[in-house]
Protein backbone atom coordinates (compact mmCIF):
# COMPACT_ATOMS: atom_id res chain seq x y z
CA ALA A 1 -15.51 -155.53 -151.51
CA ALA A 2 -17.80 -157.92 -153.46
CA VAL A 3 -19.13 -159.36 -150.15
CA GLU A 4 -21.50 -156.65 -149.21
CA PRO A 5 -23.47 -156.47 -152.42
CA LEU A 6 -23.82 -160.15 -152.54
CA LEU A 7 -25.13 -160.22 -148.82
CA GLU A 8 -27.73 -157.75 -149.87
CA LEU A 9 -28.97 -160.36 -152.49
CA LEU A 10 -29.49 -162.98 -149.93
CA GLU A 11 -33.04 -163.74 -149.00
CA PRO A 12 -34.49 -166.31 -146.67
CA ASP A 13 -35.74 -168.33 -149.54
CA ASP A 14 -34.40 -170.33 -152.54
CA SER A 15 -34.74 -167.64 -155.20
CA ALA A 16 -32.30 -168.10 -157.98
CA THR A 17 -30.63 -164.73 -157.12
CA ALA A 18 -30.16 -165.66 -153.46
CA LEU A 19 -28.78 -168.98 -154.24
CA ALA A 20 -26.29 -167.61 -156.73
CA ALA A 21 -25.21 -165.03 -154.19
CA ALA A 22 -24.67 -167.81 -151.57
CA TRP A 23 -22.76 -169.95 -153.98
CA THR A 24 -20.52 -167.22 -154.88
CA LEU A 25 -19.98 -166.14 -151.19
CA ALA A 26 -19.02 -169.83 -150.43
CA SER A 27 -16.07 -169.35 -152.73
CA ILE A 28 -14.92 -165.89 -151.73
CA ALA A 29 -15.66 -165.75 -148.00
CA PRO A 30 -16.12 -169.25 -146.61
CA GLY A 31 -14.41 -168.31 -143.32
CA ASP A 32 -16.47 -165.32 -142.46
CA SER A 33 -18.98 -166.29 -139.79
CA ARG A 34 -21.19 -163.17 -140.47
CA VAL A 35 -21.49 -164.19 -144.02
CA GLY A 36 -22.13 -167.82 -143.11
CA ALA A 37 -24.90 -166.81 -140.82
CA LYS A 38 -26.77 -165.27 -143.87
CA ALA A 39 -25.63 -167.63 -146.54
CA LEU A 40 -25.94 -171.08 -144.95
CA PRO A 41 -29.73 -171.03 -144.59
CA VAL A 42 -30.07 -170.16 -148.23
CA LEU A 43 -27.81 -173.06 -149.17
CA MET A 44 -29.64 -175.43 -146.93
CA SER A 45 -32.89 -174.45 -148.60
CA GLY A 46 -31.27 -175.34 -151.94
CA LEU A 47 -30.60 -178.89 -150.74
CA SER A 48 -34.46 -179.47 -151.03
CA SER A 49 -34.89 -178.15 -154.48
CA ASP A 50 -36.54 -179.96 -157.17
CA ASP A 51 -33.79 -178.92 -159.50
CA GLU A 52 -30.78 -181.29 -159.67
CA ASN A 53 -28.31 -178.59 -160.42
CA VAL A 54 -29.50 -176.43 -157.51
CA ARG A 55 -29.02 -179.38 -155.03
CA LEU A 56 -25.67 -180.19 -156.55
CA GLU A 57 -24.42 -176.59 -156.33
CA SER A 58 -25.77 -176.14 -152.83
CA ALA A 59 -23.96 -179.23 -151.61
CA ASP A 60 -20.76 -178.13 -153.09
CA ALA A 61 -21.03 -174.65 -151.58
CA LEU A 62 -21.88 -176.16 -148.20
CA GLY A 63 -18.75 -178.26 -148.35
CA ALA A 64 -16.72 -175.01 -148.99
CA TRP A 65 -17.93 -173.78 -145.69
CA GLY A 66 -16.22 -176.85 -143.85
CA PRO A 67 -17.06 -177.28 -140.18
CA ALA A 68 -19.05 -174.04 -140.14
CA ALA A 69 -21.73 -175.97 -142.26
CA LYS A 70 -22.40 -178.73 -139.44
CA GLN A 71 -26.07 -177.85 -139.52
CA ALA A 72 -26.28 -179.30 -142.97
CA VAL A 73 -24.90 -182.72 -142.00
CA PRO A 74 -28.24 -184.54 -141.43
CA THR A 75 -29.65 -183.36 -144.69
CA LEU A 76 -26.46 -183.93 -146.71
CA ALA A 77 -26.25 -187.49 -145.18
CA ARG A 78 -29.84 -188.25 -146.45
CA LEU A 79 -29.08 -186.86 -149.89
CA ALA A 80 -25.81 -188.87 -150.05
CA LYS A 81 -27.90 -191.98 -149.60
CA GLU A 82 -31.34 -191.22 -151.11
CA ASP A 83 -30.95 -188.61 -153.79
CA GLY A 84 -32.28 -189.81 -157.19
CA SER A 85 -29.03 -188.26 -158.85
CA GLU A 86 -25.74 -189.89 -158.72
CA PHE A 87 -24.06 -186.55 -159.04
CA VAL A 88 -25.99 -185.08 -156.08
CA ARG A 89 -25.15 -188.09 -154.09
CA ALA A 90 -21.43 -187.73 -154.89
CA ALA A 91 -21.55 -184.02 -154.16
CA ALA A 92 -23.27 -184.53 -150.86
CA GLU A 93 -20.71 -187.15 -149.97
CA ALA A 94 -17.86 -184.72 -150.76
CA ALA A 95 -19.43 -181.98 -148.69
CA LEU A 96 -19.72 -184.27 -145.74
CA LEU A 97 -15.98 -185.10 -145.88
CA GLN A 98 -15.18 -181.34 -146.06
CA ILE A 99 -17.59 -180.53 -143.23
CA GLU A 100 -16.36 -183.31 -140.90
CA LYS A 101 -12.67 -182.52 -141.17
């Protein structure tokens, strides 16, 4: 029941509202391909944020999608090696493990 209102909050950008909705959807509907089609692009945009917490939460949420988030692998791999934050690097590495299961 909560999925539809959250889907309405998703936008093709990295607004705080869209990202919060995408993070929540990752925890309540990670197996729903219709939800993934809308949420994954928002989460991908979060990986390039200047905000460390946004990158961290986006990586965690992408990991929750598992193999459905394969499109994020190149960006996550780059973050795992190059991000200036050890926490983002760790989150990216963990997400890669979840996606490549």
